[in-house]
């Protein structure tokens, strides 16, 4: 019997987490994706199937040359500003298959400090 690969385990964890989450227009899902180099954040209305706002540290001009932790803080502040512009104060945090630690935890805490409620 073959063991599950890391990719299969990650996919199972992502499906398990997302099965419990559903975003609406008043309380959208805050989806976080992490690549090897960048973080991406989206506010998603699952009822309408639309992205309400999106942000990434790749597109932040002031983030160039900063450490990853500083870029994540700047991303969180940018995402909070975009959410406030759409009059969104409460979100459902969707971490996907990522563990709640390190820079993901820093992102969530910075967004809470900015006034977004999880």
N, C-alpha and C. Protein backbone atom coordinates (compact mmCIF):
# COMPACT_ATOMS: atom_id res chain seq x y z
N UNK A 1 0.84 -1.17 0.00
CA UNK A 1 0.00 0.00 0.00
C UNK A 1 0.89 1.24 0.00
N UNK A 2 0.69 2.10 -0.99
CA UNK A 2 1.52 3.29 -1.14
C UNK A 2 1.07 4.39 -0.19
N UNK A 3 2.04 5.12 0.31
CA UNK A 3 1.72 6.26 1.16
C UNK A 3 1.25 7.41 0.29
N UNK A 4 0.45 8.29 0.88
CA UNK A 4 0.00 9.49 0.16
C UNK A 4 1.16 10.44 -0.01
N UNK A 5 1.24 11.05 -1.18
CA UNK A 5 2.29 12.03 -1.42
C UNK A 5 1.93 13.31 -0.66
N UNK A 6 2.89 14.18 -0.51
CA UNK A 6 2.65 15.45 0.18
C UNK A 6 1.61 16.28 -0.56
N UNK A 7 1.64 16.23 -1.90
CA UNK A 7 0.67 16.99 -2.69
C UNK A 7 -0.74 16.48 -2.45
N UNK A 8 -0.92 15.15 -2.36
CA UNK A 8 -2.24 14.58 -2.09
C UNK A 8 -2.72 14.96 -0.70
N UNK A 9 -1.84 14.96 0.26
CA UNK A 9 -2.21 15.34 1.63
C UNK A 9 -2.62 16.81 1.68
N UNK A 10 -1.89 17.66 0.97
CA UNK A 10 -2.21 19.07 0.95
C UNK A 10 -3.57 19.30 0.30
N UNK A 11 -3.85 18.59 -0.78
CA UNK A 11 -5.13 18.73 -1.47
C UNK A 11 -6.29 18.27 -0.58
N UNK A 12 -6.12 17.18 0.15
CA UNK A 12 -7.15 16.69 1.07
C UNK A 12 -7.42 17.69 2.18
N UNK A 13 -6.34 18.30 2.71
CA UNK A 13 -6.48 19.30 3.77
C UNK A 13 -7.22 20.53 3.24
N UNK A 14 -6.90 20.96 2.01
CA UNK A 14 -7.55 22.12 1.42
C UNK A 14 -9.05 21.86 1.21
N UNK A 15 -9.40 20.68 0.72
CA UNK A 15 -10.80 20.33 0.49
C UNK A 15 -11.56 20.28 1.81
N UNK A 16 -10.92 19.74 2.83
CA UNK A 16 -11.56 19.64 4.16
C UNK A 16 -11.84 21.02 4.74
N UNK A 17 -10.89 21.93 4.61
CA UNK A 17 -11.06 23.28 5.15
C UNK A 17 -12.12 24.04 4.36
N UNK A 18 -12.06 23.98 3.02
CA UNK A 18 -12.98 24.74 2.18
C UNK A 18 -14.40 24.21 2.22
N UNK A 19 -14.60 22.96 2.57
CA UNK A 19 -15.95 22.40 2.64
C UNK A 19 -16.76 23.06 3.74
N UNK A 20 -16.09 23.60 4.73
CA UNK A 20 -16.77 24.20 5.88
C UNK A 20 -16.98 25.71 5.72
N UNK A 21 -16.42 26.31 4.67
CA UNK A 21 -16.45 27.76 4.52
C UNK A 21 -17.29 28.17 3.32
N UNK A 22 -18.06 29.25 3.49
CA UNK A 22 -18.86 29.79 2.40
C UNK A 22 -19.01 31.28 2.62
N UNK A 23 -18.63 32.07 1.64
CA UNK A 23 -18.68 33.51 1.77
C UNK A 23 -19.93 34.10 1.13
N UNK A 24 -20.41 35.20 1.70
CA UNK A 24 -21.54 35.93 1.15
C UNK A 24 -21.09 37.35 0.84
N UNK A 25 -22.00 38.16 0.33
CA UNK A 25 -21.65 39.55 0.01
C UNK A 25 -21.35 40.34 1.27
N UNK A 26 -22.09 40.07 2.36
CA UNK A 26 -21.87 40.80 3.61
C UNK A 26 -20.69 40.25 4.40
N UNK A 27 -20.44 38.95 4.26
CA UNK A 27 -19.34 38.31 4.97
C UNK A 27 -18.58 37.42 3.98
N UNK A 28 -17.70 38.03 3.17
CA UNK A 28 -17.01 37.25 2.14
C UNK A 28 -15.91 36.35 2.71
N UNK A 29 -15.49 35.44 1.88
CA UNK A 29 -14.41 34.52 2.25
C UNK A 29 -13.09 35.19 1.90
N UNK A 30 -12.18 35.26 2.85
CA UNK A 30 -10.84 35.81 2.63
C UNK A 30 -9.93 34.64 2.31
N UNK A 31 -9.66 34.44 1.04
CA UNK A 31 -8.84 33.33 0.58
C UNK A 31 -7.39 33.76 0.49
N UNK A 32 -6.50 32.93 1.03
CA UNK A 32 -5.07 33.24 1.03
C UNK A 32 -4.34 32.17 0.23
N UNK A 33 -3.48 32.61 -0.68
CA UNK A 33 -2.64 31.71 -1.45
C UNK A 33 -1.20 32.15 -1.27
N UNK A 34 -0.33 31.19 -1.05
CA UNK A 34 1.09 31.49 -0.89
C UNK A 34 1.88 30.71 -1.93
N UNK A 35 2.63 31.43 -2.74
CA UNK A 35 3.56 30.76 -3.65
C UNK A 35 4.93 30.76 -2.98
N UNK A 36 5.93 30.33 -3.69
CA UNK A 36 7.27 30.34 -3.11
C UNK A 36 7.77 31.76 -2.86
N UNK A 37 7.28 32.72 -3.64
CA UNK A 37 7.78 34.08 -3.55
C UNK A 37 6.80 35.10 -3.02
N UNK A 38 5.50 34.88 -3.23
CA UNK A 38 4.52 35.92 -2.95
C UNK A 38 3.31 35.38 -2.20
N UNK A 39 2.57 36.32 -1.59
CA UNK A 39 1.29 36.04 -0.96
C UNK A 39 0.20 36.73 -1.78
N UNK A 40 -0.94 36.07 -1.91
CA UNK A 40 -2.08 36.62 -2.62
C UNK A 40 -3.30 36.51 -1.71
N UNK A 41 -4.14 37.55 -1.69
CA UNK A 41 -5.34 37.57 -0.86
C UNK A 41 -6.52 37.98 -1.74
N UNK A 42 -7.66 37.28 -1.57
CA UNK A 42 -8.88 37.63 -2.30
C UNK A 42 -10.05 37.64 -1.35
N UNK A 43 -10.97 38.57 -1.55
CA UNK A 43 -12.26 38.57 -0.87
C UNK A 43 -13.28 38.04 -1.88
N UNK A 44 -13.90 36.90 -1.56
CA UNK A 44 -14.74 36.19 -2.52
C UNK A 44 -16.16 36.08 -2.01
N UNK A 45 -17.12 36.43 -2.86
CA UNK A 45 -18.54 36.21 -2.61
C UNK A 45 -18.91 34.91 -3.30
N UNK A 46 -19.09 33.84 -2.53
CA UNK A 46 -19.38 32.53 -3.11
C UNK A 46 -20.80 32.42 -3.65
N UNK A 47 -21.72 33.22 -3.13
CA UNK A 47 -23.10 33.18 -3.65
C UNK A 47 -23.14 33.64 -5.10
N UNK A 48 -22.47 34.74 -5.39
CA UNK A 48 -22.45 35.28 -6.74
C UNK A 48 -21.29 34.72 -7.57
N UNK A 49 -20.33 34.09 -6.91
CA UNK A 49 -19.18 33.55 -7.62
C UNK A 49 -18.25 34.64 -8.12
N UNK A 50 -18.11 35.73 -7.36
CA UNK A 50 -17.29 36.86 -7.79
C UNK A 50 -16.24 37.21 -6.75
N UNK A 51 -15.14 37.73 -7.26
CA UNK A 51 -14.10 38.27 -6.39
C UNK A 51 -14.41 39.73 -6.15
N UNK A 52 -14.55 40.10 -4.88
CA UNK A 52 -14.89 41.47 -4.52
C UNK A 52 -13.66 42.37 -4.50
N UNK A 53 -12.55 41.84 -4.03
CA UNK A 53 -11.30 42.59 -3.98
C UNK A 53 -10.14 41.61 -3.95
N UNK A 54 -9.02 42.02 -4.47
CA UNK A 54 -7.83 41.17 -4.48
C UNK A 54 -6.60 42.02 -4.27
N UNK A 55 -5.58 41.40 -3.69
CA UNK A 55 -4.33 42.11 -3.44
C UNK A 55 -3.20 41.09 -3.38
N UNK A 56 -2.01 41.53 -3.73
CA UNK A 56 -0.85 40.67 -3.60
C UNK A 56 0.37 41.52 -3.29
N UNK A 57 1.34 40.92 -2.63
CA UNK A 57 2.55 41.67 -2.32
C UNK A 57 3.42 41.82 -3.56
N UNK A 58 3.09 41.10 -4.61
CA UNK A 58 3.81 41.22 -5.88
C UNK A 58 3.53 42.57 -6.54
N UNK A 59 2.33 43.09 -6.35
CA UNK A 59 1.92 44.34 -7.00
C UNK A 59 2.17 45.58 -6.16
N UNK A 60 2.60 45.41 -4.92
CA UNK A 60 2.85 46.57 -4.05
C UNK A 60 4.21 47.17 -4.37
N UNK A 61 4.20 48.42 -4.82
CA UNK A 61 5.45 49.08 -5.21
C UNK A 61 6.36 49.32 -4.01
N UNK A 62 5.78 49.63 -2.86
CA UNK A 62 6.58 49.92 -1.67
C UNK A 62 7.19 48.65 -1.06
N UNK A 63 6.75 47.48 -1.52
CA UNK A 63 7.22 46.23 -0.93
C UNK A 63 8.52 45.74 -1.55
N UNK A 64 8.98 46.38 -2.60
CA UNK A 64 10.20 45.94 -3.28
C UNK A 64 11.40 46.05 -2.34
N UNK A 65 12.16 44.97 -2.25
CA UNK A 65 13.36 44.96 -1.44
C UNK A 65 13.15 44.76 0.05
N UNK A 66 11.93 44.53 0.47
CA UNK A 66 11.63 44.32 1.89
C UNK A 66 11.69 42.83 2.22
N UNK A 67 11.75 42.52 3.50
CA UNK A 67 11.71 41.12 3.92
C UNK A 67 10.29 40.58 3.73
N UNK A 68 10.15 39.28 3.74
CA UNK A 68 8.84 38.68 3.51
C UNK A 68 7.85 39.07 4.59
N UNK A 69 8.28 39.15 5.84
CA UNK A 69 7.39 39.56 6.93
C UNK A 69 6.88 40.98 6.75
N UNK A 70 7.77 41.88 6.34
CA UNK A 70 7.36 43.27 6.09
C UNK A 70 6.40 43.36 4.92
N UNK A 71 6.66 42.55 3.87
CA UNK A 71 5.76 42.53 2.71
C UNK A 71 4.38 42.01 3.09
N UNK A 72 4.33 41.01 3.96
CA UNK A 72 3.05 40.44 4.39
C UNK A 72 2.26 41.48 5.19
N UNK A 73 2.93 42.24 6.04
CA UNK A 73 2.25 43.31 6.79
C UNK A 73 1.69 44.36 5.85
N UNK A 74 2.47 44.75 4.85
CA UNK A 74 2.01 45.73 3.88
C UNK A 74 0.83 45.20 3.07
N UNK A 75 0.87 43.91 2.74
CA UNK A 75 -0.24 43.28 2.02
C UNK A 75 -1.50 43.29 2.86
N UNK A 76 -1.37 42.98 4.14
CA UNK A 76 -2.53 42.98 5.04
C UNK A 76 -3.14 44.37 5.14
N UNK A 77 -2.32 45.38 5.25
CA UNK A 77 -2.82 46.75 5.33
C UNK A 77 -3.53 47.14 4.03
N UNK A 78 -2.97 46.75 2.89
CA UNK A 78 -3.60 47.04 1.60
C UNK A 78 -4.94 46.31 1.48
N UNK A 79 -4.99 45.05 1.92
CA UNK A 79 -6.24 44.29 1.85
C UNK A 79 -7.30 44.89 2.77
N UNK A 80 -6.89 45.37 3.94
CA UNK A 80 -7.83 46.01 4.87
C UNK A 80 -8.40 47.28 4.23
N UNK A 81 -7.55 48.07 3.60
CA UNK A 81 -8.03 49.30 2.94
C UNK A 81 -9.03 48.99 1.84
N UNK A 82 -8.76 47.95 1.04
CA UNK A 82 -9.69 47.57 -0.03
C UNK A 82 -11.00 47.05 0.54
N UNK A 83 -10.93 46.30 1.65
CA UNK A 83 -12.16 45.79 2.27
C UNK A 83 -12.97 46.93 2.86
N UNK A 84 -12.31 47.88 3.51
CA UNK A 84 -13.01 49.03 4.08
C UNK A 84 -13.66 49.88 2.99
N UNK A 85 -13.00 49.98 1.83
CA UNK A 85 -13.58 50.73 0.71
C UNK A 85 -14.86 50.07 0.21
N UNK A 86 -14.95 48.75 0.34
CA UNK A 86 -16.16 48.02 -0.05
C UNK A 86 -17.14 47.88 1.11
N UNK A 87 -16.82 48.53 2.24
CA UNK A 87 -17.64 48.49 3.46
C UNK A 87 -17.78 47.07 4.02
N UNK A 88 -16.65 46.35 4.03
CA UNK A 88 -16.59 45.00 4.57
C UNK A 88 -15.79 45.05 5.86
N UNK A 89 -16.40 44.62 6.97
CA UNK A 89 -15.72 44.61 8.26
C UNK A 89 -15.51 43.19 8.79
N UNK A 90 -16.31 42.24 8.29
CA UNK A 90 -16.25 40.87 8.78
C UNK A 90 -16.01 39.93 7.62
N UNK A 91 -15.08 38.99 7.79
CA UNK A 91 -14.77 38.02 6.75
C UNK A 91 -14.67 36.62 7.36
N UNK A 92 -14.68 35.63 6.48
CA UNK A 92 -14.43 34.25 6.87
C UNK A 92 -13.02 33.92 6.39
N UNK A 93 -12.14 33.55 7.28
CA UNK A 93 -10.73 33.33 6.95
C UNK A 93 -10.55 31.94 6.36
N UNK A 94 -10.09 31.89 5.11
CA UNK A 94 -9.85 30.64 4.40
C UNK A 94 -8.35 30.49 4.19
N UNK A 95 -7.72 29.67 5.01
CA UNK A 95 -6.28 29.48 4.91
C UNK A 95 -5.90 28.42 3.90
N UNK A 96 -6.89 27.72 3.34
CA UNK A 96 -6.61 26.65 2.39
C UNK A 96 -5.89 25.51 3.08
N UNK A 97 -4.80 25.07 2.51
CA UNK A 97 -4.04 23.97 3.10
C UNK A 97 -2.87 24.45 3.93
N UNK A 98 -2.76 25.77 4.12
CA UNK A 98 -1.63 26.32 4.84
C UNK A 98 -1.82 26.20 6.35
N UNK A 99 -0.77 25.88 7.08
CA UNK A 99 -0.89 25.86 8.53
C UNK A 99 -0.95 27.30 9.07
N UNK A 100 -1.69 27.50 10.13
CA UNK A 100 -1.84 28.82 10.73
C UNK A 100 -0.59 29.09 11.57
N UNK A 101 0.46 29.53 10.91
CA UNK A 101 1.73 29.80 11.57
C UNK A 101 2.55 30.73 10.69
N UNK A 102 3.57 31.31 11.27
CA UNK A 102 4.51 32.13 10.52
C UNK A 102 3.88 33.35 9.89
N UNK A 103 4.14 33.53 8.60
CA UNK A 103 3.67 34.72 7.90
C UNK A 103 2.16 34.74 7.72
N UNK A 104 1.53 33.57 7.65
CA UNK A 104 0.07 33.53 7.55
C UNK A 104 -0.56 34.05 8.84
N UNK A 105 0.00 33.68 9.95
CA UNK A 105 -0.47 34.18 11.25
C UNK A 105 -0.23 35.69 11.35
N UNK A 106 0.91 36.15 10.87
CA UNK A 106 1.22 37.58 10.86
C UNK A 106 0.22 38.34 10.00
N UNK A 107 -0.15 37.79 8.85
CA UNK A 107 -1.14 38.40 7.98
C UNK A 107 -2.48 38.53 8.69
N UNK A 108 -2.94 37.46 9.34
CA UNK A 108 -4.22 37.48 10.03
C UNK A 108 -4.22 38.47 11.19
N UNK A 109 -3.16 38.49 11.97
CA UNK A 109 -3.09 39.40 13.12
C UNK A 109 -3.05 40.86 12.67
N UNK A 110 -2.34 41.14 11.59
CA UNK A 110 -2.27 42.51 11.08
C UNK A 110 -3.63 42.96 10.56
N UNK A 111 -4.36 42.06 9.92
CA UNK A 111 -5.70 42.40 9.44
C UNK A 111 -6.65 42.64 10.60
N UNK A 112 -6.51 41.86 11.66
CA UNK A 112 -7.35 42.08 12.86
C UNK A 112 -7.06 43.44 13.46
N UNK A 113 -5.77 43.82 13.52
CA UNK A 113 -5.39 45.13 14.05
C UNK A 113 -5.97 46.25 13.20
N UNK A 114 -6.12 45.98 11.88
CA UNK A 114 -6.69 46.96 10.97
C UNK A 114 -8.20 47.09 11.07
N UNK A 115 -8.84 46.20 11.80
CA UNK A 115 -10.28 46.32 12.00
C UNK A 115 -11.12 45.27 11.31
N UNK A 116 -10.50 44.29 10.68
CA UNK A 116 -11.25 43.21 10.04
C UNK A 116 -11.49 42.11 11.09
N UNK A 117 -12.74 41.68 11.19
CA UNK A 117 -13.12 40.68 12.17
C UNK A 117 -13.22 39.33 11.47
N UNK A 118 -12.62 38.30 12.08
CA UNK A 118 -12.69 36.95 11.54
C UNK A 118 -13.72 36.18 12.31
